[in-house]
Amino acid sequence: MTVLVLAAQAAAAGWAAARPWLAGREGSRWQVPASTARSWRSRFAARAGALRQALMGVLPLADPAARPFAPAGSSAGDCLAALEAVTAGLRRRFPQLAAVTAHEVAAHLTGGLWLAPQVSAVRLNTTLLAADAILPS
């Protein structure tokens, strides 16, 4: 999520996107490899419009009193703003979710596929379905 927020901020300011340092176990830190950060930004940029539209559909459910917000200047920024609005709405509406983070909400709503690589369509094996229709003698 940090990579996406930094990328959206950099795009709005006209800068090159940074590679963030992420917290590891036991206080260690590591820098996201450039290729990983680039692929995350690319996947997110390609999906940002559709993700934003889906989040805007969820927003009234998460926060019935939600008000429209100003555009962020990019589809990625708008998507992240919608995600923050949904997260804030969930926190207000459900006090037991007070500690939920935006990346947890994104992971839950997308089944963990927020930044997953595209998966090609898999052909189904229909022979097993036909076998169920044949009664044993």
N, C-alpha and C. Protein backbone atom coordinates (compact mmCIF):
# COMPACT_ATOMS: atom_id res chain seq x y z
N MET A 1 0.82 -1.18 0.00
CA MET A 1 0.00 0.00 0.00
C MET A 1 0.87 1.25 0.00
N THR A 2 1.98 1.19 0.74
CA THR A 2 2.89 2.32 0.80
C THR A 2 3.40 2.67 -0.59
N VAL A 3 3.70 1.66 -1.38
CA VAL A 3 4.20 1.89 -2.74
C VAL A 3 3.15 2.65 -3.54
N LEU A 4 1.89 2.29 -3.41
CA LEU A 4 0.83 2.93 -4.18
C LEU A 4 0.58 4.35 -3.72
N VAL A 5 0.61 4.57 -2.43
CA VAL A 5 0.41 5.93 -1.90
C VAL A 5 1.55 6.84 -2.37
N LEU A 6 2.79 6.36 -2.26
CA LEU A 6 3.93 7.15 -2.72
C LEU A 6 3.84 7.42 -4.22
N ALA A 7 3.42 6.43 -4.99
CA ALA A 7 3.30 6.61 -6.43
C ALA A 7 2.23 7.64 -6.77
N ALA A 8 1.09 7.59 -6.08
CA ALA A 8 0.02 8.55 -6.34
C ALA A 8 0.45 9.96 -5.96
N GLN A 9 1.14 10.10 -4.83
CA GLN A 9 1.65 11.41 -4.43
C GLN A 9 2.68 11.93 -5.42
N ALA A 10 3.56 11.06 -5.87
CA ALA A 10 4.59 11.46 -6.83
C ALA A 10 3.96 11.88 -8.15
N ALA A 11 2.96 11.13 -8.61
CA ALA A 11 2.29 11.47 -9.87
C ALA A 11 1.60 12.82 -9.77
N ALA A 12 0.94 13.08 -8.65
CA ALA A 12 0.25 14.36 -8.48
C ALA A 12 1.24 15.53 -8.45
N ALA A 13 2.44 15.28 -7.94
CA ALA A 13 3.44 16.34 -7.85
C ALA A 13 4.36 16.38 -9.07
N GLY A 14 4.22 15.42 -9.98
CA GLY A 14 5.05 15.39 -11.17
C GLY A 14 6.44 14.83 -10.93
N TRP A 15 6.61 14.01 -9.90
CA TRP A 15 7.90 13.42 -9.57
C TRP A 15 7.95 11.97 -10.01
N ALA A 16 9.13 11.41 -9.97
CA ALA A 16 9.29 9.97 -10.20
C ALA A 16 8.91 9.24 -8.92
N ALA A 17 8.30 8.10 -9.06
CA ALA A 17 7.87 7.33 -7.89
C ALA A 17 9.08 6.78 -7.14
N ALA A 18 8.98 6.77 -5.83
CA ALA A 18 10.07 6.29 -4.97
C ALA A 18 9.91 4.81 -4.64
N ARG A 19 11.00 4.21 -4.24
CA ARG A 19 10.98 2.84 -3.72
C ARG A 19 11.00 2.95 -2.20
N PRO A 20 9.95 2.50 -1.54
CA PRO A 20 9.90 2.68 -0.08
C PRO A 20 10.69 1.63 0.68
N TRP A 21 10.99 1.98 1.89
CA TRP A 21 11.54 1.03 2.86
C TRP A 21 10.37 0.49 3.64
N LEU A 22 10.27 -0.81 3.77
CA LEU A 22 9.18 -1.44 4.50
C LEU A 22 9.72 -2.08 5.77
N ALA A 23 8.87 -2.10 6.78
CA ALA A 23 9.26 -2.71 8.05
C ALA A 23 9.23 -4.23 7.93
N GLY A 24 10.27 -4.84 8.45
CA GLY A 24 10.34 -6.29 8.48
C GLY A 24 10.17 -6.78 9.90
N ARG A 25 10.50 -8.02 10.11
CA ARG A 25 10.39 -8.59 11.46
C ARG A 25 11.50 -8.08 12.35
N GLU A 26 11.21 -8.01 13.61
CA GLU A 26 12.18 -7.65 14.64
C GLU A 26 12.85 -6.31 14.36
N GLY A 27 12.11 -5.36 13.83
CA GLY A 27 12.62 -4.02 13.62
C GLY A 27 13.49 -3.84 12.39
N SER A 28 13.68 -4.88 11.59
CA SER A 28 14.50 -4.74 10.39
C SER A 28 13.71 -3.96 9.33
N ARG A 29 14.43 -3.48 8.35
CA ARG A 29 13.81 -2.75 7.23
C ARG A 29 14.40 -3.27 5.94
N TRP A 30 13.59 -3.25 4.88
CA TRP A 30 14.08 -3.64 3.58
C TRP A 30 13.45 -2.77 2.52
N GLN A 31 14.18 -2.54 1.45
CA GLN A 31 13.67 -1.72 0.37
C GLN A 31 13.02 -2.62 -0.68
N VAL A 32 11.86 -2.22 -1.12
CA VAL A 32 11.15 -2.98 -2.14
C VAL A 32 11.99 -2.96 -3.42
N PRO A 33 12.23 -4.12 -4.02
CA PRO A 33 13.00 -4.13 -5.27
C PRO A 33 12.29 -3.28 -6.34
N ALA A 34 13.08 -2.64 -7.17
CA ALA A 34 12.53 -1.74 -8.19
C ALA A 34 11.55 -2.46 -9.10
N SER A 35 11.86 -3.69 -9.50
CA SER A 35 10.97 -4.43 -10.40
C SER A 35 9.64 -4.75 -9.72
N THR A 36 9.67 -5.05 -8.43
CA THR A 36 8.45 -5.35 -7.69
C THR A 36 7.59 -4.09 -7.56
N ALA A 37 8.21 -2.99 -7.15
CA ALA A 37 7.47 -1.73 -7.02
C ALA A 37 6.87 -1.32 -8.36
N ARG A 38 7.63 -1.48 -9.43
CA ARG A 38 7.15 -1.12 -10.77
C ARG A 38 5.96 -2.00 -11.17
N SER A 39 6.03 -3.31 -10.90
CA SER A 39 4.91 -4.18 -11.28
C SER A 39 3.67 -3.88 -10.44
N TRP A 40 3.86 -3.57 -9.14
CA TRP A 40 2.71 -3.20 -8.31
C TRP A 40 2.05 -1.94 -8.84
N ARG A 41 2.86 -0.93 -9.15
CA ARG A 41 2.31 0.34 -9.66
C ARG A 41 1.60 0.12 -10.99
N SER A 42 2.19 -0.69 -11.85
CA SER A 42 1.60 -0.96 -13.16
C SER A 42 0.25 -1.67 -13.02
N ARG A 43 0.21 -2.70 -12.21
CA ARG A 43 -1.06 -3.44 -12.01
C ARG A 43 -2.12 -2.53 -11.42
N PHE A 44 -1.72 -1.74 -10.43
CA PHE A 44 -2.69 -0.86 -9.78
C PHE A 44 -3.19 0.20 -10.76
N ALA A 45 -2.29 0.79 -11.54
CA ALA A 45 -2.69 1.82 -12.50
C ALA A 45 -3.67 1.26 -13.52
N ALA A 46 -3.44 0.02 -13.94
CA ALA A 46 -4.33 -0.60 -14.92
C ALA A 46 -5.72 -0.88 -14.34
N ARG A 47 -5.80 -1.11 -13.04
CA ARG A 47 -7.07 -1.48 -12.40
C ARG A 47 -7.71 -0.36 -11.60
N ALA A 48 -7.04 0.76 -11.46
CA ALA A 48 -7.50 1.82 -10.55
C ALA A 48 -8.91 2.30 -10.85
N GLY A 49 -9.23 2.49 -12.11
CA GLY A 49 -10.57 2.98 -12.47
C GLY A 49 -11.66 2.00 -12.05
N ALA A 50 -11.46 0.73 -12.35
CA ALA A 50 -12.45 -0.28 -11.98
C ALA A 50 -12.52 -0.46 -10.47
N LEU A 51 -11.37 -0.42 -9.80
CA LEU A 51 -11.36 -0.54 -8.34
C LEU A 51 -12.07 0.65 -7.70
N ARG A 52 -11.82 1.85 -8.22
CA ARG A 52 -12.49 3.04 -7.68
C ARG A 52 -14.01 2.92 -7.84
N GLN A 53 -14.45 2.49 -9.01
CA GLN A 53 -15.88 2.33 -9.25
C GLN A 53 -16.49 1.33 -8.27
N ALA A 54 -15.80 0.22 -8.04
CA ALA A 54 -16.30 -0.78 -7.10
C ALA A 54 -16.32 -0.23 -5.67
N LEU A 55 -15.28 0.52 -5.31
CA LEU A 55 -15.24 1.11 -3.96
C LEU A 55 -16.35 2.14 -3.77
N MET A 56 -16.65 2.89 -4.82
CA MET A 56 -17.73 3.87 -4.71
C MET A 56 -19.09 3.17 -4.54
N GLY A 57 -19.20 1.95 -5.06
CA GLY A 57 -20.42 1.17 -4.83
C GLY A 57 -20.52 0.66 -3.41
N VAL A 58 -19.37 0.41 -2.77
CA VAL A 58 -19.33 -0.09 -1.40
C VAL A 58 -19.48 1.05 -0.39
N LEU A 59 -19.05 2.25 -0.77
CA LEU A 59 -19.04 3.37 0.16
C LEU A 59 -20.38 3.64 0.84
N PRO A 60 -21.51 3.66 0.14
CA PRO A 60 -22.78 3.89 0.84
C PRO A 60 -23.12 2.80 1.85
N LEU A 61 -22.64 1.59 1.62
CA LEU A 61 -22.87 0.51 2.58
C LEU A 61 -21.99 0.69 3.82
N ALA A 62 -20.75 1.13 3.60
CA ALA A 62 -19.83 1.32 4.71
C ALA A 62 -20.15 2.57 5.51
N ASP A 63 -20.59 3.61 4.81
CA ASP A 63 -20.87 4.89 5.46
C ASP A 63 -22.06 5.55 4.78
N PRO A 64 -23.28 5.29 5.28
CA PRO A 64 -24.47 5.86 4.65
C PRO A 64 -24.46 7.39 4.59
N ALA A 65 -23.72 8.03 5.48
CA ALA A 65 -23.66 9.50 5.50
C ALA A 65 -22.48 10.04 4.71
N ALA A 66 -21.85 9.22 3.88
CA ALA A 66 -20.67 9.66 3.13
C ALA A 66 -21.02 10.79 2.17
N ARG A 67 -20.11 11.74 2.10
CA ARG A 67 -20.29 12.87 1.19
C ARG A 67 -19.31 12.71 0.03
N PRO A 68 -19.64 13.28 -1.11
CA PRO A 68 -18.70 13.21 -2.24
C PRO A 68 -17.39 13.91 -1.87
N PHE A 69 -16.31 13.43 -2.43
CA PHE A 69 -15.02 14.06 -2.14
C PHE A 69 -14.39 14.58 -3.42
N ALA A 70 -13.47 15.50 -3.27
CA ALA A 70 -12.83 16.14 -4.42
C ALA A 70 -11.93 15.15 -5.14
N PRO A 71 -11.88 15.22 -6.47
CA PRO A 71 -10.98 14.34 -7.21
C PRO A 71 -9.52 14.60 -6.82
N ALA A 72 -8.73 13.53 -6.82
CA ALA A 72 -7.33 13.64 -6.42
C ALA A 72 -6.42 14.04 -7.58
N GLY A 73 -6.91 13.99 -8.79
CA GLY A 73 -6.10 14.38 -9.93
C GLY A 73 -5.60 13.22 -10.77
N SER A 74 -5.77 12.00 -10.30
CA SER A 74 -5.39 10.82 -11.08
C SER A 74 -6.33 9.69 -10.70
N SER A 75 -6.46 8.72 -11.58
CA SER A 75 -7.36 7.61 -11.25
C SER A 75 -6.82 6.82 -10.06
N ALA A 76 -5.49 6.70 -9.95
CA ALA A 76 -4.90 6.01 -8.81
C ALA A 76 -5.18 6.78 -7.52
N GLY A 77 -5.00 8.09 -7.56
CA GLY A 77 -5.27 8.91 -6.38
C GLY A 77 -6.74 8.87 -5.99
N ASP A 78 -7.63 8.90 -6.99
CA ASP A 78 -9.06 8.81 -6.71
C ASP A 78 -9.41 7.47 -6.09
N CYS A 79 -8.80 6.40 -6.57
CA CYS A 79 -9.04 5.06 -6.03
C CYS A 79 -8.58 4.99 -4.58
N LEU A 80 -7.40 5.51 -4.30
CA LEU A 80 -6.90 5.48 -2.92
C LEU A 80 -7.76 6.34 -2.00
N ALA A 81 -8.26 7.48 -2.51
CA ALA A 81 -9.15 8.32 -1.71
C ALA A 81 -10.46 7.59 -1.42
N ALA A 82 -10.98 6.87 -2.40
CA ALA A 82 -12.21 6.08 -2.19
C ALA A 82 -11.96 4.98 -1.17
N LEU A 83 -10.79 4.33 -1.25
CA LEU A 83 -10.45 3.29 -0.28
C LEU A 83 -10.36 3.87 1.13
N GLU A 84 -9.75 5.02 1.27
CA GLU A 84 -9.66 5.66 2.59
C GLU A 84 -11.05 6.03 3.10
N ALA A 85 -11.94 6.49 2.21
CA ALA A 85 -13.30 6.84 2.62
C ALA A 85 -14.06 5.60 3.08
N VAL A 86 -13.91 4.49 2.37
CA VAL A 86 -14.57 3.24 2.77
C VAL A 86 -14.03 2.78 4.12
N THR A 87 -12.71 2.83 4.28
CA THR A 87 -12.08 2.42 5.54
C THR A 87 -12.57 3.28 6.70
N ALA A 88 -12.60 4.59 6.49
CA ALA A 88 -13.07 5.49 7.55
C ALA A 88 -14.54 5.23 7.88
N GLY A 89 -15.35 4.97 6.84
CA GLY A 89 -16.76 4.67 7.07
C GLY A 89 -16.96 3.39 7.87
N LEU A 90 -16.17 2.37 7.55
CA LEU A 90 -16.26 1.12 8.30
C LEU A 90 -15.86 1.33 9.76
N ARG A 91 -14.84 2.13 9.99
CA ARG A 91 -14.41 2.40 11.37
C ARG A 91 -15.49 3.12 12.16
N ARG A 92 -16.17 4.09 11.51
CA ARG A 92 -17.23 4.83 12.20
C ARG A 92 -18.46 3.96 12.44
N ARG A 93 -18.83 3.20 11.43
CA ARG A 93 -20.06 2.42 11.53
C ARG A 93 -19.93 1.21 12.44
N PHE A 94 -18.75 0.61 12.44
CA PHE A 94 -18.51 -0.60 13.24
C PHE A 94 -17.33 -0.36 14.17
N PRO A 95 -17.59 0.05 15.41
CA PRO A 95 -16.49 0.38 16.34
C PRO A 95 -15.48 -0.75 16.54
N GLN A 96 -15.90 -2.00 16.38
CA GLN A 96 -14.96 -3.10 16.54
C GLN A 96 -13.92 -3.13 15.42
N LEU A 97 -14.10 -2.35 14.37
CA LEU A 97 -13.14 -2.27 13.27
C LEU A 97 -12.27 -1.01 13.38
N ALA A 98 -12.18 -0.44 14.56
CA ALA A 98 -11.44 0.80 14.74
C ALA A 98 -9.98 0.69 14.33
N ALA A 99 -9.39 -0.48 14.43
CA ALA A 99 -7.97 -0.65 14.12
C ALA A 99 -7.73 -1.15 12.70
N VAL A 100 -8.79 -1.34 11.91
CA VAL A 100 -8.60 -1.86 10.56
C VAL A 100 -7.86 -0.82 9.71
N THR A 101 -6.98 -1.32 8.85
CA THR A 101 -6.21 -0.44 7.97
C THR A 101 -6.76 -0.52 6.55
N ALA A 102 -6.39 0.48 5.75
CA ALA A 102 -6.87 0.53 4.37
C ALA A 102 -6.40 -0.70 3.57
N HIS A 103 -5.17 -1.13 3.79
CA HIS A 103 -4.72 -2.28 3.01
C HIS A 103 -5.44 -3.56 3.43
N GLU A 104 -5.88 -3.65 4.69
CA GLU A 104 -6.67 -4.81 5.11
C GLU A 104 -8.05 -4.79 4.46
N VAL A 105 -8.64 -3.60 4.37
CA VAL A 105 -9.94 -3.47 3.71
C VAL A 105 -9.81 -3.83 2.23
N ALA A 106 -8.76 -3.33 1.58
CA ALA A 106 -8.54 -3.64 0.16
C ALA A 106 -8.35 -5.14 -0.05
N ALA A 107 -7.56 -5.76 0.82
CA ALA A 107 -7.33 -7.19 0.69
C ALA A 107 -8.62 -7.98 0.88
N HIS A 108 -9.43 -7.57 1.85
CA HIS A 108 -10.68 -8.28 2.11
C HIS A 108 -11.65 -8.12 0.94
N LEU A 109 -11.82 -6.89 0.47
CA LEU A 109 -12.80 -6.64 -0.58
C LEU A 109 -12.42 -7.29 -1.92
N THR A 110 -11.13 -7.48 -2.15
CA THR A 110 -10.70 -8.06 -3.43
C THR A 110 -10.28 -9.52 -3.29
N GLY A 111 -10.49 -10.11 -2.14
CA GLY A 111 -10.09 -11.49 -1.93
C GLY A 111 -8.58 -11.66 -2.00
N GLY A 112 -7.85 -10.62 -1.65
CA GLY A 112 -6.40 -10.67 -1.67
C GLY A 112 -5.80 -10.47 -3.05
N LEU A 113 -6.61 -10.11 -4.02
CA LEU A 113 -6.13 -9.98 -5.40
C LEU A 113 -5.92 -8.54 -5.85
N TRP A 114 -5.79 -7.62 -4.91
CA TRP A 114 -5.63 -6.19 -5.20
C TRP A 114 -4.49 -5.95 -6.18
N LEU A 115 -3.35 -6.57 -5.95
CA LEU A 115 -2.18 -6.37 -6.80
C LEU A 115 -1.70 -7.67 -7.45
N ALA A 116 -2.53 -8.68 -7.46
CA ALA A 116 -2.13 -9.98 -8.00
C ALA A 116 -1.91 -9.89 -9.51
N PRO A 117 -1.00 -10.71 -10.01
CA PRO A 117 -0.81 -10.75 -11.47
C PRO A 117 -2.07 -11.24 -12.17
N GLN A 118 -2.21 -10.86 -13.41
CA GLN A 118 -3.34 -11.35 -14.19
C GLN A 118 -3.22 -12.85 -14.35
N VAL A 119 -4.31 -13.53 -14.20
CA VAL A 119 -4.34 -14.99 -14.37
C VAL A 119 -5.09 -15.27 -15.66
N SER A 120 -4.47 -16.05 -16.52
CA SER A 120 -5.15 -16.39 -17.77
C SER A 120 -6.33 -17.31 -17.47
N ALA A 121 -7.29 -17.28 -18.35
CA ALA A 121 -8.47 -18.12 -18.16
C ALA A 121 -8.07 -19.59 -18.22
N VAL A 122 -8.61 -20.35 -17.33
CA VAL A 122 -8.31 -21.77 -17.26
C VAL A 122 -9.47 -22.52 -17.90
N ARG A 123 -9.13 -23.47 -18.77
CA ARG A 123 -10.20 -24.26 -19.36
C ARG A 123 -10.67 -25.29 -18.34
N LEU A 124 -11.96 -25.44 -18.26
CA LEU A 124 -12.53 -26.40 -17.32
C LEU A 124 -12.52 -27.80 -17.92
N ASN A 125 -12.29 -28.75 -17.08
CA ASN A 125 -12.35 -30.15 -17.49
C ASN A 125 -13.79 -30.61 -17.30
N THR A 126 -14.52 -30.71 -18.39
CA THR A 126 -15.94 -31.07 -18.30
C THR A 126 -16.17 -32.57 -18.29
N THR A 127 -15.14 -33.38 -18.47
CA THR A 127 -15.34 -34.82 -18.48
C THR A 127 -15.78 -35.31 -17.11
N LEU A 128 -15.32 -34.66 -16.05
CA LEU A 128 -15.76 -35.06 -14.72
C LEU A 128 -17.23 -34.76 -14.50
N LEU A 129 -17.71 -33.68 -15.08
CA LEU A 129 -19.12 -33.36 -14.95
C LEU A 129 -19.98 -34.39 -15.67
N ALA A 130 -19.52 -34.84 -16.84
CA ALA A 130 -20.27 -35.86 -17.59
C ALA A 130 -20.24 -37.20 -16.84
N ALA A 131 -19.15 -37.50 -16.19
CA ALA A 131 -19.05 -38.77 -15.46
C ALA A 131 -20.05 -38.85 -14.34
N ASP A 132 -20.39 -37.74 -13.71
CA ASP A 132 -21.37 -37.73 -12.65
C ASP A 132 -22.77 -38.08 -13.15
N ALA A 133 -23.00 -37.80 -14.42
CA ALA A 133 -24.35 -38.06 -14.98
C ALA A 133 -24.55 -39.52 -15.32
N ILE A 134 -23.50 -40.31 -15.38
CA ILE A 134 -23.61 -41.74 -15.74
C ILE A 134 -23.79 -42.54 -14.46
N LEU A 135 -24.87 -43.22 -14.36
CA LEU A 135 -25.13 -44.02 -13.18
C LEU A 135 -24.35 -45.33 -13.23
N PRO A 136 -23.77 -45.73 -12.12
CA PRO A 136 -23.05 -47.02 -12.13
C PRO A 136 -24.05 -48.16 -12.26
N SER A 137 -23.65 -49.27 -12.92
CA SER A 137 -24.58 -50.41 -13.08
C SER A 137 -24.40 -51.44 -12.01
